[in-house]
Amino acid sequence: MPRISAPTVAEHRAAQRRALLDAARAILAEDSGQAPSLAAVASRAGLARSSIYEYFRSRQDLLDAVVADVFPRWSARVSDAMTAAGTPGDRVLAYVDANLRLVADGEHAVARALAAVAQGQHLEASSRTMHEQLAIPLIEALTALGLPDPATTAELINSIVYAASRLIESGGEPEAIRDRAGELLAPFLLGARHRPGRRNRA
């Protein structure tokens, strides 16, 4: 049995599993062409090859676990950023900025790699759930601004996020690209409350 490096066996196992998931994510971000082997993931995490089988039965089992880890973490980071923002316009800007920070951190590369190597409906379902979850607070913020068609506006904002994401992943400076996206959207979002035709709200 390996030396316990945490107060309890349960915490030790949780830390080991976290290390394996992080190692798999790192390898996927570096090489989206193929799924990492269990041996490569164990080596990256600094564990013996046999140790990984205590947590994952197969490479597909590992990939399913990465899928189950990636999308909820993405959703949580964006949701937390929006919650911490003030006005509805600020919440939309936080949505854009948080997504682009995740791209810069390599999370989108991991998701893209998973799309290339993972099998089954688990990936599609997780991705769809994440996008649906993130659409709700975005549309709510746009609705609070009194915009006539918040769903369409949300799609247009996402198109800016996608374009900025491609620029970042093509080697652009992430901070500069985040700034440009904010500069493009801020006049519209922060000035929406003053725009004629806004619905009256209690």
N, C-alpha and C. Protein backbone atom coordinates (compact mmCIF):
# COMPACT_ATOMS: atom_id res chain seq x y z
N MET A 1 0.86 -1.20 0.00
CA MET A 1 0.00 0.00 0.00
C MET A 1 0.89 1.24 0.00
N PRO A 2 0.60 2.26 -0.87
CA PRO A 2 1.44 3.44 -0.92
C PRO A 2 1.37 4.24 0.37
N ARG A 3 2.42 5.01 0.61
CA ARG A 3 2.45 5.85 1.81
C ARG A 3 1.33 6.88 1.74
N ILE A 4 0.60 7.00 2.82
CA ILE A 4 -0.51 7.95 2.88
C ILE A 4 0.05 9.35 3.06
N SER A 5 -0.32 10.26 2.15
CA SER A 5 0.18 11.64 2.21
C SER A 5 -0.93 12.62 2.57
N ALA A 6 -2.01 12.11 3.14
CA ALA A 6 -3.14 12.94 3.54
C ALA A 6 -3.63 12.43 4.89
N PRO A 7 -4.41 13.25 5.62
CA PRO A 7 -4.86 12.84 6.96
C PRO A 7 -5.64 11.53 6.97
N THR A 8 -6.39 11.24 5.93
CA THR A 8 -7.18 10.02 5.90
C THR A 8 -6.97 9.30 4.58
N VAL A 9 -7.33 8.03 4.56
CA VAL A 9 -7.22 7.24 3.33
C VAL A 9 -8.12 7.83 2.26
N ALA A 10 -9.32 8.27 2.65
CA ALA A 10 -10.26 8.83 1.67
C ALA A 10 -9.68 10.09 1.03
N GLU A 11 -9.05 10.95 1.83
CA GLU A 11 -8.45 12.17 1.29
C GLU A 11 -7.26 11.85 0.41
N HIS A 12 -6.49 10.84 0.80
CA HIS A 12 -5.36 10.40 -0.01
C HIS A 12 -5.84 9.92 -1.37
N ARG A 13 -6.87 9.10 -1.39
CA ARG A 13 -7.38 8.58 -2.65
C ARG A 13 -7.97 9.70 -3.50
N ALA A 14 -8.64 10.64 -2.87
CA ALA A 14 -9.18 11.77 -3.63
C ALA A 14 -8.06 12.58 -4.26
N ALA A 15 -6.96 12.77 -3.53
CA ALA A 15 -5.82 13.53 -4.05
C ALA A 15 -5.16 12.77 -5.20
N GLN A 16 -5.04 11.46 -5.06
CA GLN A 16 -4.45 10.65 -6.13
C GLN A 16 -5.31 10.69 -7.39
N ARG A 17 -6.61 10.58 -7.21
CA ARG A 17 -7.52 10.62 -8.36
C ARG A 17 -7.46 11.99 -9.03
N ARG A 18 -7.40 13.05 -8.21
CA ARG A 18 -7.30 14.39 -8.77
C ARG A 18 -6.01 14.55 -9.58
N ALA A 19 -4.92 13.99 -9.08
CA ALA A 19 -3.64 14.07 -9.78
C ALA A 19 -3.71 13.35 -11.12
N LEU A 20 -4.40 12.23 -11.16
CA LEU A 20 -4.54 11.47 -12.41
C LEU A 20 -5.41 12.23 -13.41
N LEU A 21 -6.49 12.82 -12.94
CA LEU A 21 -7.35 13.59 -13.84
C LEU A 21 -6.60 14.80 -14.39
N ASP A 22 -5.85 15.48 -13.53
CA ASP A 22 -5.08 16.64 -13.99
C ASP A 22 -4.02 16.22 -15.00
N ALA A 23 -3.40 15.07 -14.77
CA ALA A 23 -2.39 14.57 -15.71
C ALA A 23 -3.02 14.25 -17.06
N ALA A 24 -4.18 13.62 -17.04
CA ALA A 24 -4.87 13.30 -18.29
C ALA A 24 -5.26 14.56 -19.03
N ARG A 25 -5.75 15.56 -18.31
CA ARG A 25 -6.13 16.84 -18.92
C ARG A 25 -4.93 17.50 -19.57
N ALA A 26 -3.78 17.47 -18.89
CA ALA A 26 -2.57 18.10 -19.42
C ALA A 26 -2.12 17.43 -20.70
N ILE A 27 -2.17 16.11 -20.72
CA ILE A 27 -1.75 15.37 -21.92
C ILE A 27 -2.72 15.64 -23.07
N LEU A 28 -4.00 15.68 -22.77
CA LEU A 28 -4.99 15.96 -23.81
C LEU A 28 -4.80 17.35 -24.39
N ALA A 29 -4.48 18.32 -23.55
CA ALA A 29 -4.27 19.69 -24.02
C ALA A 29 -3.05 19.79 -24.94
N GLU A 30 -2.05 18.94 -24.68
CA GLU A 30 -0.82 18.96 -25.47
C GLU A 30 -0.94 18.18 -26.77
N ASP A 31 -1.73 17.11 -26.75
CA ASP A 31 -1.83 16.23 -27.91
C ASP A 31 -3.27 15.81 -28.10
N SER A 32 -4.01 16.53 -28.96
CA SER A 32 -5.43 16.24 -29.16
C SER A 32 -5.67 15.13 -30.18
N GLY A 33 -4.59 14.55 -30.70
CA GLY A 33 -4.77 13.56 -31.76
C GLY A 33 -5.13 12.17 -31.27
N GLN A 34 -4.80 11.87 -30.03
CA GLN A 34 -5.08 10.53 -29.54
C GLN A 34 -5.29 10.55 -28.03
N ALA A 35 -6.01 9.56 -27.56
CA ALA A 35 -6.27 9.46 -26.13
C ALA A 35 -5.00 9.02 -25.41
N PRO A 36 -4.73 9.57 -24.24
CA PRO A 36 -3.52 9.17 -23.51
C PRO A 36 -3.65 7.75 -22.97
N SER A 37 -2.55 7.04 -22.93
CA SER A 37 -2.56 5.71 -22.34
C SER A 37 -2.59 5.83 -20.82
N LEU A 38 -3.05 4.80 -20.17
CA LEU A 38 -3.08 4.81 -18.71
C LEU A 38 -1.66 4.91 -18.16
N ALA A 39 -0.71 4.26 -18.82
CA ALA A 39 0.68 4.31 -18.37
C ALA A 39 1.22 5.74 -18.44
N ALA A 40 0.89 6.45 -19.53
CA ALA A 40 1.37 7.83 -19.67
C ALA A 40 0.76 8.74 -18.62
N VAL A 41 -0.50 8.53 -18.32
CA VAL A 41 -1.17 9.35 -17.31
C VAL A 41 -0.58 9.09 -15.94
N ALA A 42 -0.36 7.81 -15.61
CA ALA A 42 0.23 7.47 -14.32
C ALA A 42 1.61 8.09 -14.19
N SER A 43 2.42 7.99 -15.26
CA SER A 43 3.76 8.56 -15.23
C SER A 43 3.71 10.07 -15.04
N ARG A 44 2.80 10.74 -15.73
CA ARG A 44 2.68 12.20 -15.63
C ARG A 44 2.28 12.60 -14.21
N ALA A 45 1.46 11.77 -13.57
CA ALA A 45 1.01 12.07 -12.20
C ALA A 45 2.03 11.65 -11.15
N GLY A 46 3.12 10.99 -11.57
CA GLY A 46 4.13 10.55 -10.63
C GLY A 46 3.75 9.31 -9.84
N LEU A 47 2.88 8.49 -10.43
CA LEU A 47 2.42 7.28 -9.76
C LEU A 47 2.89 6.04 -10.52
N ALA A 48 2.93 4.93 -9.82
CA ALA A 48 3.27 3.67 -10.47
C ALA A 48 2.17 3.31 -11.47
N ARG A 49 2.56 2.63 -12.54
CA ARG A 49 1.60 2.29 -13.58
C ARG A 49 0.43 1.49 -13.03
N SER A 50 0.72 0.57 -12.11
CA SER A 50 -0.35 -0.28 -11.57
C SER A 50 -1.33 0.50 -10.71
N SER A 51 -0.90 1.66 -10.18
CA SER A 51 -1.75 2.42 -9.27
C SER A 51 -3.00 2.96 -9.95
N ILE A 52 -2.89 3.27 -11.23
CA ILE A 52 -4.02 3.90 -11.91
C ILE A 52 -5.22 2.98 -12.00
N TYR A 53 -4.96 1.67 -11.98
CA TYR A 53 -6.07 0.71 -12.08
C TYR A 53 -6.90 0.66 -10.80
N GLU A 54 -6.40 1.26 -9.75
CA GLU A 54 -7.21 1.36 -8.54
C GLU A 54 -8.31 2.41 -8.69
N TYR A 55 -8.15 3.27 -9.72
CA TYR A 55 -9.09 4.37 -9.92
C TYR A 55 -9.86 4.27 -11.23
N PHE A 56 -9.22 3.73 -12.26
CA PHE A 56 -9.86 3.64 -13.57
C PHE A 56 -9.59 2.26 -14.18
N ARG A 57 -10.67 1.62 -14.63
CA ARG A 57 -10.55 0.26 -15.15
C ARG A 57 -9.96 0.23 -16.54
N SER A 58 -10.15 1.28 -17.31
CA SER A 58 -9.71 1.30 -18.70
C SER A 58 -9.47 2.74 -19.14
N ARG A 59 -8.94 2.91 -20.33
CA ARG A 59 -8.73 4.25 -20.86
C ARG A 59 -10.07 4.95 -21.08
N GLN A 60 -11.08 4.21 -21.52
CA GLN A 60 -12.39 4.82 -21.71
C GLN A 60 -12.99 5.26 -20.38
N ASP A 61 -12.77 4.48 -19.35
CA ASP A 61 -13.24 4.85 -18.01
C ASP A 61 -12.58 6.16 -17.57
N LEU A 62 -11.28 6.30 -17.86
CA LEU A 62 -10.56 7.53 -17.54
C LEU A 62 -11.12 8.71 -18.33
N LEU A 63 -11.34 8.51 -19.64
CA LEU A 63 -11.87 9.59 -20.47
C LEU A 63 -13.25 10.03 -19.99
N ASP A 64 -14.08 9.07 -19.61
CA ASP A 64 -15.41 9.42 -19.09
C ASP A 64 -15.27 10.27 -17.83
N ALA A 65 -14.30 9.93 -16.99
CA ALA A 65 -14.10 10.69 -15.76
C ALA A 65 -13.60 12.11 -16.08
N VAL A 66 -12.76 12.24 -17.09
CA VAL A 66 -12.28 13.58 -17.49
C VAL A 66 -13.45 14.41 -18.02
N VAL A 67 -14.30 13.78 -18.82
CA VAL A 67 -15.49 14.48 -19.34
C VAL A 67 -16.35 14.97 -18.18
N ALA A 68 -16.57 14.08 -17.21
CA ALA A 68 -17.41 14.42 -16.05
C ALA A 68 -16.77 15.51 -15.20
N ASP A 69 -15.47 15.71 -15.34
CA ASP A 69 -14.74 16.71 -14.56
C ASP A 69 -14.65 18.04 -15.28
N VAL A 70 -14.40 18.00 -16.59
CA VAL A 70 -14.11 19.22 -17.35
C VAL A 70 -15.30 20.16 -17.43
N PHE A 71 -16.43 19.66 -17.87
CA PHE A 71 -17.56 20.55 -18.16
C PHE A 71 -18.18 21.18 -16.91
N PRO A 72 -18.37 20.43 -15.83
CA PRO A 72 -18.89 21.10 -14.61
C PRO A 72 -17.94 22.16 -14.07
N ARG A 73 -16.62 21.92 -14.16
CA ARG A 73 -15.65 22.90 -13.68
C ARG A 73 -15.72 24.17 -14.53
N TRP A 74 -15.86 24.00 -15.84
CA TRP A 74 -16.00 25.16 -16.73
C TRP A 74 -17.25 25.95 -16.36
N SER A 75 -18.35 25.25 -16.24
CA SER A 75 -19.62 25.91 -15.92
C SER A 75 -19.53 26.64 -14.58
N ALA A 76 -18.91 26.02 -13.60
CA ALA A 76 -18.81 26.62 -12.27
C ALA A 76 -17.97 27.89 -12.30
N ARG A 77 -16.87 27.87 -13.04
CA ARG A 77 -16.01 29.06 -13.08
C ARG A 77 -16.72 30.25 -13.74
N VAL A 78 -17.45 29.98 -14.81
CA VAL A 78 -18.17 31.06 -15.48
C VAL A 78 -19.30 31.56 -14.59
N SER A 79 -20.05 30.63 -14.01
CA SER A 79 -21.18 31.02 -13.15
C SER A 79 -20.71 31.82 -11.94
N ASP A 80 -19.59 31.40 -11.34
CA ASP A 80 -19.06 32.13 -10.18
C ASP A 80 -18.64 33.54 -10.56
N ALA A 81 -18.02 33.69 -11.74
CA ALA A 81 -17.60 35.01 -12.19
C ALA A 81 -18.80 35.92 -12.43
N MET A 82 -19.85 35.37 -13.00
CA MET A 82 -21.05 36.17 -13.25
C MET A 82 -21.72 36.56 -11.94
N THR A 83 -21.78 35.64 -11.00
CA THR A 83 -22.41 35.91 -9.71
C THR A 83 -21.69 37.03 -8.96
N ALA A 84 -20.35 37.07 -9.10
CA ALA A 84 -19.56 38.08 -8.40
C ALA A 84 -19.67 39.46 -9.03
N ALA A 85 -20.17 39.53 -10.27
CA ALA A 85 -20.29 40.82 -10.96
C ALA A 85 -21.51 41.58 -10.43
N GLY A 86 -21.55 42.88 -10.74
CA GLY A 86 -22.62 43.71 -10.20
C GLY A 86 -23.83 43.81 -11.08
N THR A 87 -23.81 44.72 -12.03
CA THR A 87 -24.97 44.98 -12.88
C THR A 87 -25.15 43.88 -13.92
N PRO A 88 -26.32 43.81 -14.56
CA PRO A 88 -26.51 42.82 -15.63
C PRO A 88 -25.46 42.95 -16.73
N GLY A 89 -25.12 44.19 -17.11
CA GLY A 89 -24.09 44.37 -18.12
C GLY A 89 -22.74 43.84 -17.67
N ASP A 90 -22.41 44.06 -16.41
CA ASP A 90 -21.17 43.54 -15.86
C ASP A 90 -21.17 42.01 -15.85
N ARG A 91 -22.33 41.43 -15.59
CA ARG A 91 -22.42 39.97 -15.58
C ARG A 91 -22.14 39.39 -16.97
N VAL A 92 -22.64 40.04 -18.00
CA VAL A 92 -22.37 39.56 -19.36
C VAL A 92 -20.89 39.70 -19.68
N LEU A 93 -20.29 40.82 -19.30
CA LEU A 93 -18.86 41.00 -19.52
C LEU A 93 -18.06 39.95 -18.75
N ALA A 94 -18.51 39.61 -17.56
CA ALA A 94 -17.84 38.57 -16.77
C ALA A 94 -17.95 37.22 -17.45
N TYR A 95 -19.10 36.97 -18.08
CA TYR A 95 -19.31 35.73 -18.84
C TYR A 95 -18.27 35.62 -19.96
N VAL A 96 -18.12 36.69 -20.70
CA VAL A 96 -17.16 36.69 -21.81
C VAL A 96 -15.74 36.52 -21.30
N ASP A 97 -15.38 37.29 -20.29
CA ASP A 97 -14.01 37.25 -19.76
C ASP A 97 -13.68 35.89 -19.16
N ALA A 98 -14.61 35.31 -18.41
CA ALA A 98 -14.34 34.01 -17.77
C ALA A 98 -14.16 32.93 -18.82
N ASN A 99 -14.97 32.93 -19.86
CA ASN A 99 -14.82 31.94 -20.92
C ASN A 99 -13.45 32.07 -21.59
N LEU A 100 -13.03 33.28 -21.85
CA LEU A 100 -11.75 33.48 -22.53
C LEU A 100 -10.57 33.15 -21.61
N ARG A 101 -10.73 33.38 -20.33
CA ARG A 101 -9.69 32.95 -19.39
C ARG A 101 -9.55 31.43 -19.39
N LEU A 102 -10.66 30.73 -19.46
CA LEU A 102 -10.62 29.27 -19.51
C LEU A 102 -9.94 28.79 -20.78
N VAL A 103 -10.22 29.46 -21.89
CA VAL A 103 -9.55 29.10 -23.14
C VAL A 103 -8.04 29.30 -22.99
N ALA A 104 -7.64 30.43 -22.42
CA ALA A 104 -6.22 30.72 -22.23
C ALA A 104 -5.57 29.70 -21.30
N ASP A 105 -6.34 29.17 -20.36
CA ASP A 105 -5.82 28.16 -19.42
C ASP A 105 -5.72 26.78 -20.04
N GLY A 106 -6.20 26.63 -21.28
CA GLY A 106 -6.12 25.34 -21.97
C GLY A 106 -7.34 24.47 -21.85
N GLU A 107 -8.39 24.97 -21.19
CA GLU A 107 -9.57 24.15 -20.98
C GLU A 107 -10.29 23.82 -22.29
N HIS A 108 -10.30 24.79 -23.22
CA HIS A 108 -10.97 24.54 -24.49
C HIS A 108 -10.20 23.51 -25.30
N ALA A 109 -8.88 23.54 -25.21
CA ALA A 109 -8.07 22.55 -25.89
C ALA A 109 -8.38 21.15 -25.36
N VAL A 110 -8.58 21.05 -24.06
CA VAL A 110 -8.94 19.76 -23.46
C VAL A 110 -10.30 19.29 -23.99
N ALA A 111 -11.28 20.22 -24.01
CA ALA A 111 -12.61 19.86 -24.50
C ALA A 111 -12.57 19.44 -25.96
N ARG A 112 -11.77 20.15 -26.76
CA ARG A 112 -11.65 19.80 -28.17
C ARG A 112 -10.98 18.44 -28.34
N ALA A 113 -9.98 18.16 -27.52
CA ALA A 113 -9.31 16.87 -27.58
C ALA A 113 -10.26 15.75 -27.19
N LEU A 114 -11.07 16.00 -26.18
CA LEU A 114 -12.04 14.99 -25.77
C LEU A 114 -13.02 14.71 -26.90
N ALA A 115 -13.42 15.74 -27.62
CA ALA A 115 -14.35 15.55 -28.73
C ALA A 115 -13.73 14.67 -29.81
N ALA A 116 -12.40 14.71 -29.92
CA ALA A 116 -11.72 13.92 -30.95
C ALA A 116 -11.48 12.47 -30.53
N VAL A 117 -11.35 12.23 -29.21
CA VAL A 117 -10.94 10.88 -28.79
C VAL A 117 -11.97 10.14 -27.95
N ALA A 118 -12.85 10.87 -27.27
CA ALA A 118 -13.82 10.20 -26.39
C ALA A 118 -14.93 9.58 -27.23
N GLN A 119 -15.52 8.53 -26.70
CA GLN A 119 -16.58 7.81 -27.41
C GLN A 119 -17.87 7.85 -26.60
N GLY A 120 -18.96 7.56 -27.30
CA GLY A 120 -20.24 7.43 -26.63
C GLY A 120 -20.98 8.75 -26.51
N GLN A 121 -22.13 8.70 -25.85
CA GLN A 121 -23.01 9.86 -25.75
C GLN A 121 -22.72 10.70 -24.51
N HIS A 122 -21.85 10.20 -23.64
CA HIS A 122 -21.56 10.92 -22.39
C HIS A 122 -20.98 12.30 -22.68
N LEU A 123 -20.04 12.37 -23.65
CA LEU A 123 -19.43 13.64 -23.99
C LEU A 123 -20.45 14.62 -24.53
N GLU A 124 -21.27 14.19 -25.48
CA GLU A 124 -22.28 15.08 -26.07
C GLU A 124 -23.26 15.57 -25.02
N ALA A 125 -23.68 14.67 -24.15
CA ALA A 125 -24.65 15.04 -23.12
C ALA A 125 -24.04 16.05 -22.15
N SER A 126 -22.78 15.83 -21.75
CA SER A 126 -22.13 16.75 -20.81
C SER A 126 -21.91 18.11 -21.44
N SER A 127 -21.49 18.13 -22.70
CA SER A 127 -21.27 19.40 -23.39
C SER A 127 -22.57 20.16 -23.55
N ARG A 128 -23.63 19.45 -23.94
CA ARG A 128 -24.93 20.09 -24.12
C ARG A 128 -25.45 20.65 -22.80
N THR A 129 -25.28 19.89 -21.73
CA THR A 129 -25.74 20.35 -20.41
C THR A 129 -25.00 21.61 -19.99
N MET A 130 -23.67 21.64 -20.22
CA MET A 130 -22.90 22.82 -19.84
C MET A 130 -23.38 24.05 -20.60
N HIS A 131 -23.56 23.92 -21.91
CA HIS A 131 -23.99 25.07 -22.70
C HIS A 131 -25.39 25.54 -22.30
N GLU A 132 -26.25 24.59 -21.96
CA GLU A 132 -27.60 24.96 -21.52
C GLU A 132 -27.54 25.68 -20.18
N GLN A 133 -26.68 25.19 -19.28
CA GLN A 133 -26.56 25.81 -17.97
C GLN A 133 -26.02 27.23 -18.07
N LEU A 134 -25.05 27.44 -18.95
CA LEU A 134 -24.46 28.76 -19.10
C LEU A 134 -25.36 29.72 -19.84
N ALA A 135 -26.23 29.19 -20.70
CA ALA A 135 -27.14 30.06 -21.45
C ALA A 135 -28.15 30.73 -20.52
N ILE A 136 -28.53 30.06 -19.46
CA ILE A 136 -29.58 30.60 -18.57
C ILE A 136 -29.16 31.92 -17.93
N PRO A 137 -28.01 31.99 -17.20
CA PRO A 137 -27.65 33.28 -16.59
C PRO A 137 -27.31 34.35 -17.62
N LEU A 138 -26.78 33.94 -18.78
CA LEU A 138 -26.46 34.92 -19.82
C LEU A 138 -27.74 35.56 -20.34
N ILE A 139 -28.74 34.75 -20.66
CA ILE A 139 -30.00 35.28 -21.18
C ILE A 139 -30.73 36.07 -20.10
N GLU A 140 -30.63 35.61 -18.85
CA GLU A 140 -31.26 36.36 -17.76
C GLU A 140 -30.65 37.76 -17.63
N ALA A 141 -29.32 37.86 -17.75
CA ALA A 141 -28.67 39.17 -17.65
C ALA A 141 -29.07 40.06 -18.81
N LEU A 142 -29.15 39.49 -20.00
CA LEU A 142 -29.55 40.28 -21.17
C LEU A 142 -31.01 40.71 -21.07
N THR A 143 -31.83 39.84 -20.51
CA THR A 143 -33.24 40.18 -20.31
C THR A 143 -33.37 41.34 -19.32
N ALA A 144 -32.55 41.30 -18.27
CA ALA A 144 -32.58 42.37 -17.27
C ALA A 144 -32.17 43.71 -17.86
N LEU A 145 -31.42 43.68 -18.95
CA LEU A 145 -31.04 44.91 -19.63
C LEU A 145 -32.18 45.47 -20.49
N GLY A 146 -33.27 44.68 -20.61
CA GLY A 146 -34.41 45.14 -21.38
C GLY A 146 -34.26 44.97 -22.88
N LEU A 147 -33.36 44.10 -23.31
CA LEU A 147 -33.15 43.90 -24.74
C LEU A 147 -34.32 43.12 -25.33
N PRO A 148 -34.73 43.45 -26.57
CA PRO A 148 -35.94 42.85 -27.14
C PRO A 148 -35.80 41.37 -27.49
N ASP A 149 -34.61 40.88 -27.78
CA ASP A 149 -34.44 39.48 -28.18
C ASP A 149 -33.17 38.95 -27.53
N PRO A 150 -33.21 38.68 -26.22
CA PRO A 150 -32.00 38.29 -25.50
C PRO A 150 -31.38 36.99 -26.00
N ALA A 151 -32.20 36.05 -26.48
CA ALA A 151 -31.65 34.78 -26.96
C ALA A 151 -30.76 34.99 -28.18
N THR A 152 -31.24 35.82 -29.11
CA THR A 152 -30.43 36.12 -30.30
C THR A 152 -29.18 36.89 -29.91
N THR A 153 -29.31 37.85 -29.00
CA THR A 153 -28.16 38.61 -28.54
C THR A 153 -27.13 37.69 -27.88
N ALA A 154 -27.61 36.71 -27.13
CA ALA A 154 -26.70 35.75 -26.49
C ALA A 154 -25.90 34.99 -27.55
N GLU A 155 -26.54 34.60 -28.65
CA GLU A 155 -25.83 33.90 -29.72
C GLU A 155 -24.77 34.80 -30.34
N LEU A 156 -25.10 36.07 -30.53
CA LEU A 156 -24.14 37.00 -31.10
C LEU A 156 -22.95 37.21 -30.17
N ILE A 157 -23.23 37.28 -28.88
CA ILE A 157 -22.13 37.42 -27.90
C ILE A 157 -21.26 36.18 -27.92
N ASN A 158 -21.89 35.02 -28.01
CA ASN A 158 -21.10 33.78 -28.08
C ASN A 158 -20.24 33.72 -29.33
N SER A 159 -20.72 34.32 -30.43
CA SER A 159 -19.91 34.33 -31.64
C SER A 159 -18.64 35.15 -31.43
N ILE A 160 -18.73 36.21 -30.62
CA ILE A 160 -17.54 36.98 -30.28
C ILE A 160 -16.61 36.15 -29.40
N VAL A 161 -17.18 35.41 -28.45
CA VAL A 161 -16.38 34.54 -27.59
C VAL A 161 -15.66 33.50 -28.44
N TYR A 162 -16.35 32.89 -29.40
CA TYR A 162 -15.73 31.87 -30.25
C TYR A 162 -14.60 32.47 -31.08
N ALA A 163 -14.83 33.66 -31.66
CA ALA A 163 -13.80 34.30 -32.47
C ALA A 163 -12.58 34.65 -31.62
N ALA A 164 -12.83 35.20 -30.44
CA ALA A 164 -11.72 35.53 -29.54
C ALA A 164 -10.98 34.28 -29.09
N SER A 165 -11.72 33.19 -28.89
CA SER A 165 -11.10 31.92 -28.50
C SER A 165 -10.14 31.43 -29.57
N ARG A 166 -10.56 31.54 -30.82
CA ARG A 166 -9.69 31.11 -31.92
C ARG A 166 -8.42 31.95 -31.97
N LEU A 167 -8.56 33.25 -31.74
CA LEU A 167 -7.39 34.12 -31.73
C LEU A 167 -6.41 33.73 -30.62
N ILE A 168 -6.95 33.42 -29.44
CA ILE A 168 -6.10 33.00 -28.33
C ILE A 168 -5.39 31.70 -28.65
N GLU A 169 -6.15 30.75 -29.18
CA GLU A 169 -5.56 29.44 -29.46
C GLU A 169 -4.63 29.47 -30.66
N SER A 170 -4.68 30.55 -31.44
CA SER A 170 -3.76 30.71 -32.57
C SER A 170 -2.48 31.41 -32.15
N GLY A 171 -2.37 31.70 -30.88
CA GLY A 171 -1.14 32.31 -30.37
C GLY A 171 -1.26 33.76 -29.99
N GLY A 172 -2.48 34.32 -30.04
CA GLY A 172 -2.67 35.71 -29.65
C GLY A 172 -2.46 35.92 -28.17
N GLU A 173 -2.18 37.14 -27.77
CA GLU A 173 -1.99 37.48 -26.36
C GLU A 173 -3.35 37.46 -25.65
N PRO A 174 -3.57 36.52 -24.73
CA PRO A 174 -4.89 36.36 -24.11
C PRO A 174 -5.42 37.62 -23.44
N GLU A 175 -4.56 38.31 -22.69
CA GLU A 175 -5.03 39.50 -21.97
C GLU A 175 -5.48 40.58 -22.94
N ALA A 176 -4.71 40.78 -24.01
CA ALA A 176 -5.05 41.80 -24.99
C ALA A 176 -6.36 41.45 -25.69
N ILE A 177 -6.55 40.18 -26.01
CA ILE A 177 -7.77 39.75 -26.70
C ILE A 177 -8.97 39.89 -25.78
N ARG A 178 -8.81 39.54 -24.49
CA ARG A 178 -9.90 39.74 -23.53
C ARG A 178 -10.25 41.22 -23.44
N ASP A 179 -9.22 42.07 -23.43
CA ASP A 179 -9.47 43.52 -23.36
C ASP A 179 -10.24 43.99 -24.59
N ARG A 180 -9.85 43.52 -25.78
CA ARG A 180 -10.53 43.96 -27.00
C ARG A 180 -11.99 43.51 -27.00
N ALA A 181 -12.25 42.29 -26.52
CA ALA A 181 -13.63 41.80 -26.47
C ALA A 181 -14.45 42.66 -25.52
N GLY A 182 -13.87 43.01 -24.38
CA GLY A 182 -14.58 43.86 -23.43
C GLY A 182 -14.83 45.25 -23.98
N GLU A 183 -13.83 45.80 -24.67
CA GLU A 183 -13.99 47.13 -25.26
C GLU A 183 -15.08 47.14 -26.33
N LEU A 184 -15.21 46.03 -27.05
CA LEU A 184 -16.21 45.94 -28.10
C LEU A 184 -17.62 45.88 -27.52
N LEU A 185 -17.78 45.15 -26.42
CA LEU A 185 -19.12 44.90 -25.87
C LEU A 185 -19.55 45.90 -24.80
N ALA A 186 -18.60 46.45 -24.08
CA ALA A 186 -18.96 47.30 -22.94
C ALA A 186 -19.87 48.48 -23.31
N PRO A 187 -19.60 49.22 -24.38
CA PRO A 187 -20.49 50.35 -24.70
C PRO A 187 -21.93 49.93 -24.91
N PHE A 188 -22.12 48.77 -25.53
CA PHE A 188 -23.47 48.26 -25.76
C PHE A 188 -24.11 47.79 -24.46
N LEU A 189 -23.38 46.98 -23.69
CA LEU A 189 -23.96 46.37 -22.50
C LEU A 189 -24.15 47.38 -21.37
N LEU A 190 -23.18 48.23 -21.16
CA LEU A 190 -23.27 49.17 -20.04
C LEU A 190 -24.12 50.38 -20.38
N GLY A 191 -24.41 50.58 -21.67
CA GLY A 191 -25.27 51.68 -22.06
C GLY A 191 -26.70 51.26 -22.34
N ALA A 192 -26.96 49.95 -22.19
CA ALA A 192 -28.29 49.43 -22.54
C ALA A 192 -29.38 50.04 -21.67
N ARG A 193 -29.06 50.35 -20.42
CA ARG A 193 -30.09 50.88 -19.52
C ARG A 193 -30.55 52.27 -19.95
N HIS A 194 -29.74 52.93 -20.78
CA HIS A 194 -30.09 54.28 -21.22
C HIS A 194 -30.71 54.28 -22.63
N ARG A 195 -30.80 53.10 -23.25
CA ARG A 195 -31.23 53.02 -24.64
C ARG A 195 -32.74 53.17 -24.74
N PRO A 196 -33.25 53.97 -25.66
CA PRO A 196 -34.70 54.10 -25.83
C PRO A 196 -35.34 52.75 -26.14
N GLY A 197 -36.55 52.58 -25.67
CA GLY A 197 -37.30 51.37 -25.98
C GLY A 197 -37.11 50.27 -24.95
N ARG A 198 -36.30 50.54 -23.93
CA ARG A 198 -36.13 49.53 -22.89
C ARG A 198 -37.42 49.34 -22.13
N ARG A 199 -37.76 48.08 -21.90
CA ARG A 199 -39.00 47.80 -21.17
C ARG A 199 -38.88 48.29 -19.74
N ASN A 200 -39.98 48.85 -19.22
CA ASN A 200 -39.99 49.25 -17.83
C ASN A 200 -40.04 48.03 -16.94
N ARG A 201 -39.24 48.06 -15.88
CA ARG A 201 -39.20 46.92 -14.96
C ARG A 201 -39.44 47.47 -13.55
N ALA A 202 -40.12 46.68 -12.78
CA ALA A 202 -40.39 47.11 -11.40
C ALA A 202 -39.12 47.13 -10.60
